Amino acid sequence: MVTNVKVRVTFLIENWVNVPLNVRVFELAKHLVKLGIRSYIYSLGLNLLSSPIPKIVKQNYVIYNDVRVRLIPNVYLGWRLGTFLAGCLLAGTLADGVIIVKHPLIARVLHNINRRYILDYEDVLSLLNYSRRQFRDYYRNLRLEKFAYKNADLIITENDYLARYISNICDDAKVDVIPNGVDLRLFSPDVVNVRPLFAGERVVLGFVGKSVSLERTSIFFKCLKYISERNRNKMEILLVGPFNSSAYQLIRKYIRQVNITGYVPHPDVPRFIGMMDICLNPRIDFYFSRSTKNLEYAAMGRPIVATDVPSNSFVKESSCGLLSKPSAEDFAKCIETLIEDPNLAVDLAKNGLRAVKNFDWRVLAEKYKSLLMKSSLV
């Protein structure tokens, strides 16, 4: 349904190249356009110029995921934070309509130039592990967040835990929850010809990611030695993403059949997930927003083995897989449980297919639009 009110929304992000952190923004922007909301994405930080004169007149754009991203021209000041702040000022001046930001520092800059904003917050800086290592970082981020919460016209966050956390910090904050989602027109066994579970000669364990994640997902590479030789001989590994040779060598110590696809465009990912019997998400970080990877696995009717960390909460909520302690031994036990009990794996996959219907980006964009239309900014 297209609204009669012409509403323009600008998502202001730090860097469009960091796609995993901006999946939510791109999906919302794409689906809001289909609902009659003129949605734009402005990106900071990518196009730092060596020239001291910014090319403000030149329009710099990039197209990603069918969404047009405007690259904000800025001047490199020899100081990263200063350059970033200058870019925020320029973006705040150029953008019109409702501005939605993800980072509290951008929110503070907008407030200083009297621009109102909505804060879409997936993960809280002061709760992240790296911040807790240094009290200075923790309290600096906490002060910044309190300022952003207090002055936001509306805060939209990804889950109830973060909503409660923000409300406890700022009593008068207006907080709503819209979770991360999945595009069910792309990720669906009805759209892609998937292989029935455990129908092949070998059990295919699959993971969608990249080699940059090697440290964060080291549990998977370490767990292989704890899997019995009998089960290892049944297994085949499929890594979807630009994994490097070190990942290949780690796996080849234990598994003979290893396939690494290299970079795969997002629309082609469902085809590879459809080849997997067990999907893996061995994250060991402590981000709080739901991992969209689990939603995509579940939407393709695949059982999941994941670590028991906050970002994998969907697996527990939907009973679509097994959660392990963040240890290689326990992760291996969960994998072997599904290999030895295919009926359990099928039941878990069915649970995921039912649960994921509530996380369709089209449905979530409708809710997002409703919040925008009720906002005082429209």
Protein backbone atom coordinates (compact mmCIF):
# COMPACT_ATOMS: atom_id res chain seq x y z
CA MET A 1 0.00 0.00 0.00
CA VAL A 2 1.42 3.38 -1.02
CA THR A 3 0.86 6.29 1.30
CA ASN A 4 -0.52 9.57 0.01
CA VAL A 5 1.87 11.50 2.23
CA LYS A 6 5.24 12.06 0.60
CA VAL A 7 7.78 10.97 3.17
CA ARG A 8 11.52 11.02 2.62
CA VAL A 9 13.85 8.98 4.82
CA THR A 10 17.65 9.22 4.85
CA PHE A 11 19.69 6.48 6.50
CA LEU A 12 23.04 7.96 7.49
CA ILE A 13 25.71 5.25 7.97
CA GLU A 14 29.43 5.28 8.64
CA ASN A 15 30.63 3.17 5.73
CA TRP A 16 28.54 1.30 3.15
CA VAL A 17 31.44 -1.10 2.39
CA ASN A 18 30.97 -2.78 5.79
CA VAL A 19 28.02 -4.71 4.41
CA PRO A 20 27.52 -7.19 7.31
CA LEU A 21 26.91 -4.28 9.70
CA ASN A 22 24.52 -2.59 7.28
CA VAL A 23 22.32 -5.46 6.10
CA ARG A 24 19.43 -4.08 8.15
CA VAL A 25 19.72 -0.62 6.60
CA PHE A 26 19.85 -1.87 3.01
CA GLU A 27 16.91 -4.24 3.45
CA LEU A 28 14.75 -1.63 5.19
CA ALA A 29 15.56 1.03 2.59
CA LYS A 30 14.75 -1.34 -0.28
CA HIS A 31 11.42 -2.46 1.19
CA LEU A 32 10.34 1.00 2.38
CA VAL A 33 10.64 2.25 -1.20
CA LYS A 34 8.16 -0.43 -2.25
CA LEU A 35 5.80 0.89 0.44
CA GLY A 36 5.89 4.42 -0.94
CA ILE A 37 8.57 5.84 1.39
CA ARG A 38 11.33 7.66 -0.51
CA SER A 39 14.39 6.08 1.09
CA TYR A 40 18.02 7.09 0.63
CA ILE A 41 21.31 5.97 2.11
CA TYR A 42 24.14 8.42 2.73
CA SER A 43 27.55 6.92 3.51
CA LEU A 44 30.48 8.53 5.31
CA GLY A 45 34.12 7.60 5.49
CA LEU A 46 34.76 5.79 2.22
CA ASN A 47 35.75 8.53 -0.20
CA LEU A 48 38.40 10.47 1.72
CA LEU A 49 40.03 12.86 -0.69
CA SER A 50 43.73 13.64 -0.90
CA SER A 51 42.84 17.07 -2.24
CA PRO A 52 42.13 19.72 0.43
CA ILE A 53 39.12 20.90 -1.61
CA PRO A 54 36.04 18.65 -1.35
CA LYS A 55 34.28 17.79 -4.61
CA ILE A 56 30.91 18.84 -3.22
CA VAL A 57 29.51 19.62 -6.64
CA LYS A 58 30.17 16.14 -7.99
CA GLN A 59 27.50 13.55 -7.19
CA ASN A 60 29.17 10.31 -6.06
CA TYR A 61 26.90 7.27 -6.01
CA VAL A 62 27.17 3.50 -5.81
CA ILE A 63 24.44 0.90 -6.31
CA TYR A 64 24.33 -2.01 -3.88
CA ASN A 65 21.52 -4.52 -3.41
CA ASP A 66 19.32 -2.43 -5.74
CA VAL A 67 19.70 0.57 -3.41
CA ARG A 68 21.41 3.80 -4.42
CA VAL A 69 24.01 4.97 -1.90
CA ARG A 70 25.28 8.53 -1.93
CA LEU A 71 28.92 8.84 -0.91
CA ILE A 72 29.31 12.00 1.11
CA PRO A 73 32.37 13.94 -0.16
CA ASN A 74 34.66 15.03 2.62
CA VAL A 75 38.10 16.47 3.24
CA TYR A 76 40.86 14.43 4.83
CA LEU A 77 42.01 16.61 7.73
CA GLY A 78 44.91 14.39 8.83
CA TRP A 79 42.85 13.40 11.87
CA ARG A 80 40.40 10.52 11.49
CA LEU A 81 37.85 11.71 14.03
CA GLY A 82 37.97 15.26 12.71
CA THR A 83 37.43 14.02 9.16
CA PHE A 84 34.52 11.90 10.33
CA LEU A 85 32.89 14.82 12.18
CA ALA A 86 33.29 17.07 9.15
CA GLY A 87 31.57 14.42 7.04
CA CYS A 88 28.72 14.22 9.56
CA LEU A 89 28.22 17.99 9.38
CA LEU A 90 28.09 17.92 5.59
CA ALA A 91 25.72 14.94 5.54
CA GLY A 92 23.44 16.61 8.07
CA THR A 93 23.31 19.67 5.87
CA LEU A 94 22.64 17.79 2.62
CA ALA A 95 20.10 15.28 3.94
CA ASP A 96 16.46 16.16 4.19
CA GLY A 97 13.38 14.40 5.50
CA VAL A 98 13.58 11.97 8.41
CA ILE A 99 17.20 11.13 9.28
CA ILE A 100 17.88 7.68 10.72
CA VAL A 101 21.31 7.02 12.21
CA LYS A 102 23.05 3.96 13.63
CA HIS A 103 25.94 5.53 15.52
CA PRO A 104 25.51 7.76 18.61
CA LEU A 105 28.43 9.99 17.55
CA ILE A 106 26.58 10.90 14.35
CA ALA A 107 23.50 11.54 16.48
CA ARG A 108 25.43 13.98 18.64
CA VAL A 109 26.70 15.91 15.62
CA LEU A 110 23.16 16.15 14.21
CA HIS A 111 21.86 17.43 17.53
CA ASN A 112 24.57 20.12 17.59
CA ILE A 113 23.34 21.46 14.23
CA ASN A 114 19.70 21.25 15.35
CA ARG A 115 18.81 18.24 13.19
CA ARG A 116 16.34 15.84 14.72
CA TYR A 117 16.88 12.12 14.22
CA ILE A 118 15.72 8.57 14.83
CA LEU A 119 18.29 6.19 16.32
CA ASP A 120 18.20 2.64 14.91
CA TYR A 121 20.43 0.78 17.33
CA GLU A 122 21.33 -2.88 16.81
CA ASP A 123 24.21 -3.15 19.27
CA VAL A 124 25.12 -1.00 22.24
CA LEU A 125 28.74 0.18 22.25
CA SER A 126 29.11 0.13 26.02
CA LEU A 127 27.99 -3.53 26.16
CA LEU A 128 30.51 -4.85 23.66
CA ASN A 129 33.41 -6.90 24.99
CA TYR A 130 36.19 -4.73 23.64
CA SER A 131 34.77 -1.71 25.45
CA ARG A 132 34.65 -3.45 28.80
CA ARG A 133 38.38 -4.08 28.69
CA GLN A 134 39.04 -0.43 29.25
CA PHE A 135 36.96 1.57 31.72
CA ARG A 136 37.73 4.74 29.81
CA ASP A 137 36.18 3.36 26.62
CA TYR A 138 33.21 1.99 28.55
CA TYR A 139 32.29 5.24 30.27
CA ARG A 140 33.01 7.35 27.20
CA ASN A 141 30.65 5.23 25.11
CA LEU A 142 28.06 5.18 27.89
CA ARG A 143 28.02 9.00 28.11
CA LEU A 144 27.72 9.25 24.34
CA GLU A 145 24.86 6.77 24.28
CA LYS A 146 22.94 8.52 27.05
CA PHE A 147 23.15 11.74 25.07
CA ALA A 148 21.92 10.01 21.90
CA TYR A 149 19.04 8.29 23.74
CA LYS A 150 17.91 11.46 25.47
CA ASN A 151 17.75 13.56 22.32
CA ALA A 152 16.39 11.01 19.84
CA ASP A 153 12.81 11.50 18.70
CA LEU A 154 12.52 7.72 18.57
CA ILE A 155 14.80 4.74 19.21
CA ILE A 156 14.24 1.55 17.24
CA THR A 157 16.23 -1.42 18.42
CA GLU A 158 16.57 -5.04 17.37
CA ASN A 159 15.41 -6.97 20.42
CA ASP A 160 13.67 -6.68 23.79
CA TYR A 161 16.89 -7.02 25.78
CA LEU A 162 18.38 -3.90 24.22
CA ALA A 163 15.08 -2.06 24.55
CA ARG A 164 15.03 -2.73 28.31
CA TYR A 165 18.67 -1.76 28.63
CA ILE A 166 18.09 1.58 26.90
CA SER A 167 14.93 2.28 28.95
CA ASN A 168 16.83 1.64 32.18
CA ILE A 169 19.53 4.11 31.18
CA CYS A 170 17.13 6.79 29.92
CA ASP A 171 13.67 6.74 31.51
CA ASP A 172 12.03 9.07 29.02
CA ALA A 173 13.41 7.40 25.87
CA LYS A 174 10.83 6.32 23.30
CA VAL A 175 11.90 2.79 22.37
CA ASP A 176 10.31 0.33 19.93
CA VAL A 177 11.52 -3.08 18.80
CA ILE A 178 11.76 -4.25 15.20
CA PRO A 179 13.96 -7.34 14.80
CA ASN A 180 16.32 -8.20 11.96
CA GLY A 181 14.75 -10.21 9.17
CA VAL A 182 15.24 -12.28 6.04
CA ASP A 183 14.02 -11.89 2.48
CA LEU A 184 11.66 -14.86 2.09
CA ARG A 185 11.29 -14.21 -1.63
CA LEU A 186 14.98 -15.06 -1.93
CA PHE A 187 15.60 -17.52 0.92
CA SER A 188 12.96 -20.22 0.60
CA PRO A 189 12.95 -23.92 -0.34
CA ASP A 190 10.00 -23.07 -2.59
CA VAL A 191 12.18 -20.67 -4.61
CA VAL A 192 15.44 -22.62 -4.70
CA ASN A 193 15.69 -26.29 -5.57
CA VAL A 194 17.11 -27.62 -2.29
CA ARG A 195 18.44 -31.10 -1.65
CA PRO A 196 16.49 -33.17 0.92
CA LEU A 197 18.35 -33.41 4.21
CA PHE A 198 20.88 -36.25 4.46
CA ALA A 199 20.05 -37.47 0.95
CA GLY A 200 23.65 -37.50 -0.30
CA GLU A 201 26.49 -39.93 0.21
CA ARG A 202 28.06 -37.57 2.72
CA VAL A 203 26.72 -35.22 5.38
CA VAL A 204 27.45 -31.68 4.21
CA LEU A 205 28.37 -29.22 6.97
CA GLY A 206 28.15 -25.67 5.72
CA PHE A 207 29.09 -22.21 6.82
CA VAL A 208 28.47 -18.85 5.15
CA GLY A 209 31.10 -16.27 6.02
CA LYS A 210 34.55 -15.05 5.15
CA SER A 211 38.17 -15.53 6.15
CA VAL A 212 38.16 -12.30 8.16
CA SER A 213 35.93 -14.19 10.58
CA LEU A 214 38.54 -16.92 11.12
CA GLU A 215 39.36 -15.84 14.68
CA ARG A 216 35.73 -15.29 15.64
CA THR A 217 34.77 -18.72 14.33
CA SER A 218 37.86 -20.65 15.42
CA ILE A 219 35.68 -23.04 17.47
CA PHE A 220 34.56 -24.70 14.25
CA PHE A 221 38.10 -25.35 13.03
CA LYS A 222 39.17 -26.62 16.44
CA CYS A 223 36.12 -28.86 16.93
CA LEU A 224 36.94 -31.17 14.04
CA LYS A 225 39.55 -33.08 16.00
CA TYR A 226 36.94 -33.95 18.65
CA ILE A 227 34.58 -35.56 16.12
CA SER A 228 34.96 -39.32 15.87
CA GLU A 229 36.81 -40.67 12.85
CA ARG A 230 33.70 -42.63 11.86
CA ASN A 231 31.65 -39.44 11.59
CA ARG A 232 34.49 -37.46 10.01
CA ASN A 233 34.57 -39.98 7.18
CA LYS A 234 30.89 -39.25 6.52
CA MET A 235 31.40 -35.49 6.38
CA GLU A 236 31.97 -32.93 3.67
CA ILE A 237 32.65 -29.25 4.39
CA LEU A 238 31.20 -26.43 2.28
CA LEU A 239 32.46 -22.92 3.04
CA VAL A 240 30.56 -20.19 1.21
CA GLY A 241 32.66 -17.06 1.07
CA PRO A 242 36.20 -15.80 0.42
CA PHE A 243 38.03 -18.08 2.86
CA ASN A 244 41.77 -18.17 2.43
CA SER A 245 44.18 -21.07 2.20
CA SER A 246 44.77 -21.18 5.97
CA ALA A 247 41.12 -22.13 6.54
CA TYR A 248 41.44 -24.87 3.93
CA GLN A 249 44.59 -26.28 5.52
CA LEU A 250 43.01 -26.29 9.00
CA ILE A 251 40.08 -28.37 7.78
CA ARG A 252 42.08 -30.69 5.53
CA LYS A 253 43.91 -32.03 8.58
CA TYR A 254 40.71 -33.91 9.46
CA ILE A 255 38.27 -33.81 6.51
CA ARG A 256 39.08 -34.98 3.01
CA GLN A 257 36.21 -33.33 1.18
CA VAL A 258 36.47 -29.53 1.48
CA ASN A 259 34.85 -27.06 -0.93
CA ILE A 260 35.41 -23.30 -0.73
CA THR A 261 33.31 -21.26 -3.14
CA GLY A 262 35.06 -17.90 -2.86
CA TYR A 263 32.97 -14.74 -2.97
CA VAL A 264 29.30 -15.42 -3.75
CA PRO A 265 26.78 -12.62 -4.49
CA HIS A 266 24.03 -12.52 -1.87
CA PRO A 267 21.23 -13.59 -4.29
CA ASP A 268 23.19 -16.81 -5.02
CA VAL A 269 23.74 -17.76 -1.36
CA PRO A 270 20.39 -19.66 -0.99
CA ARG A 271 21.45 -22.15 -3.66
CA PHE A 272 24.52 -23.11 -1.63
CA ILE A 273 22.65 -23.27 1.69
CA GLY A 274 20.25 -25.66 -0.05
CA MET A 275 23.18 -28.06 -0.55
CA MET A 276 23.93 -28.23 3.19
CA ASP A 277 22.62 -30.78 5.68
CA ILE A 278 23.77 -28.95 8.81
CA CYS A 279 24.43 -25.22 8.93
CA LEU A 280 26.97 -23.78 11.35
CA ASN A 281 27.24 -20.48 13.18
CA PRO A 282 30.19 -20.81 15.58
CA ARG A 283 30.44 -17.15 16.62
CA ILE A 284 32.28 -16.41 19.85
CA ASP A 285 31.69 -12.65 19.99
CA PHE A 286 29.00 -11.06 22.11
CA TYR A 287 27.00 -8.82 19.84
CA PHE A 288 23.36 -8.62 20.93
CA SER A 289 21.46 -8.24 17.66
CA ARG A 290 20.15 -11.40 16.01
CA SER A 291 22.47 -12.91 13.43
CA THR A 292 20.75 -12.74 10.03
CA LYS A 293 22.79 -15.81 9.09
CA ASN A 294 20.60 -17.98 11.35
CA LEU A 295 17.44 -16.55 9.80
CA GLU A 296 18.71 -17.38 6.32
CA TYR A 297 19.65 -20.92 7.35
CA ALA A 298 16.23 -21.49 8.91
CA ALA A 299 14.40 -20.01 5.92
CA MET A 300 16.06 -22.63 3.71
CA GLY A 301 14.87 -25.45 5.98
CA ARG A 302 18.28 -26.36 7.39
CA PRO A 303 19.02 -27.37 11.03
CA ILE A 304 21.63 -25.23 12.80
CA VAL A 305 24.47 -25.83 15.22
CA ALA A 306 25.46 -22.55 16.87
CA THR A 307 27.26 -21.26 19.92
CA ASP A 308 25.18 -20.06 22.85
CA VAL A 309 25.84 -16.32 22.55
CA PRO A 310 23.28 -13.47 22.43
CA SER A 311 23.45 -13.01 18.65
CA ASN A 312 22.33 -16.64 18.20
CA SER A 313 19.22 -16.19 20.35
CA PHE A 314 16.92 -17.01 17.40
CA VAL A 315 18.13 -20.62 17.47
CA LYS A 316 17.03 -20.98 21.09
CA GLU A 317 13.77 -19.04 20.65
CA SER A 318 12.65 -21.07 17.62
CA SER A 319 14.16 -24.47 18.54
CA CYS A 320 15.60 -24.69 15.03
CA GLY A 321 18.97 -26.07 16.06
CA LEU A 322 21.33 -27.06 18.83
CA LEU A 323 23.25 -24.55 20.93
CA SER A 324 26.67 -25.41 22.29
CA LYS A 325 28.82 -23.91 24.96
CA PRO A 326 31.54 -21.69 23.45
CA SER A 327 33.99 -24.61 23.40
CA ALA A 328 35.25 -26.79 20.58
CA GLU A 329 34.41 -30.02 22.41
CA ASP A 330 30.76 -29.12 22.96
CA PHE A 331 30.37 -27.80 19.43
CA ALA A 332 31.63 -31.15 18.12
CA LYS A 333 29.11 -33.04 20.30
CA CYS A 334 26.22 -31.01 18.84
CA ILE A 335 27.37 -31.74 15.28
CA GLU A 336 27.63 -35.46 16.02
CA THR A 337 24.18 -35.48 17.63
CA LEU A 338 22.58 -34.30 14.38
CA ILE A 339 24.69 -36.61 12.21
CA GLU A 340 23.59 -39.60 14.29
CA ASP A 341 19.95 -38.51 14.62
CA PRO A 342 18.68 -37.26 11.23
CA ASN A 343 15.06 -37.29 12.46
CA LEU A 344 15.95 -34.73 15.12
CA ALA A 345 17.63 -32.59 12.45
CA VAL A 346 14.51 -32.70 10.28
CA ASP A 347 12.28 -31.70 13.22
CA LEU A 348 14.56 -28.76 14.05
CA ALA A 349 14.50 -27.64 10.41
CA LYS A 350 10.69 -27.68 10.41
CA ASN A 351 10.64 -25.53 13.55
CA GLY A 352 12.86 -23.00 11.81
CA LEU A 353 10.63 -22.82 8.74
CA ARG A 354 7.62 -22.05 10.93
CA ALA A 355 9.38 -19.46 13.08
CA VAL A 356 11.07 -17.52 10.29
CA LYS A 357 7.73 -16.46 8.76
CA ASN A 358 7.53 -13.78 11.47
CA PHE A 359 10.86 -12.30 10.31
CA ASP A 360 10.05 -11.51 6.68
CA TRP A 361 11.59 -8.13 5.77
CA ARG A 362 8.35 -7.18 4.00
CA VAL A 363 6.38 -7.57 7.23
CA LEU A 364 9.03 -5.77 9.28
CA ALA A 365 9.19 -2.88 6.80
CA GLU A 366 5.42 -2.41 7.21
CA LYS A 367 5.94 -2.09 10.97
CA TYR A 368 8.84 0.30 10.41
CA LYS A 369 6.69 2.43 8.13
CA SER A 370 3.95 2.53 10.77
CA LEU A 371 6.42 3.83 13.36
CA LEU A 372 7.70 6.47 10.94
CA MET A 373 4.19 7.71 10.17
CA LYS A 374 3.42 8.05 13.88
CA SER A 375 6.67 9.91 14.50
CA SER A 376 6.59 13.66 15.10
CA LEU A 377 9.26 14.01 12.40
CA VAL A 378 6.81 13.23 9.57
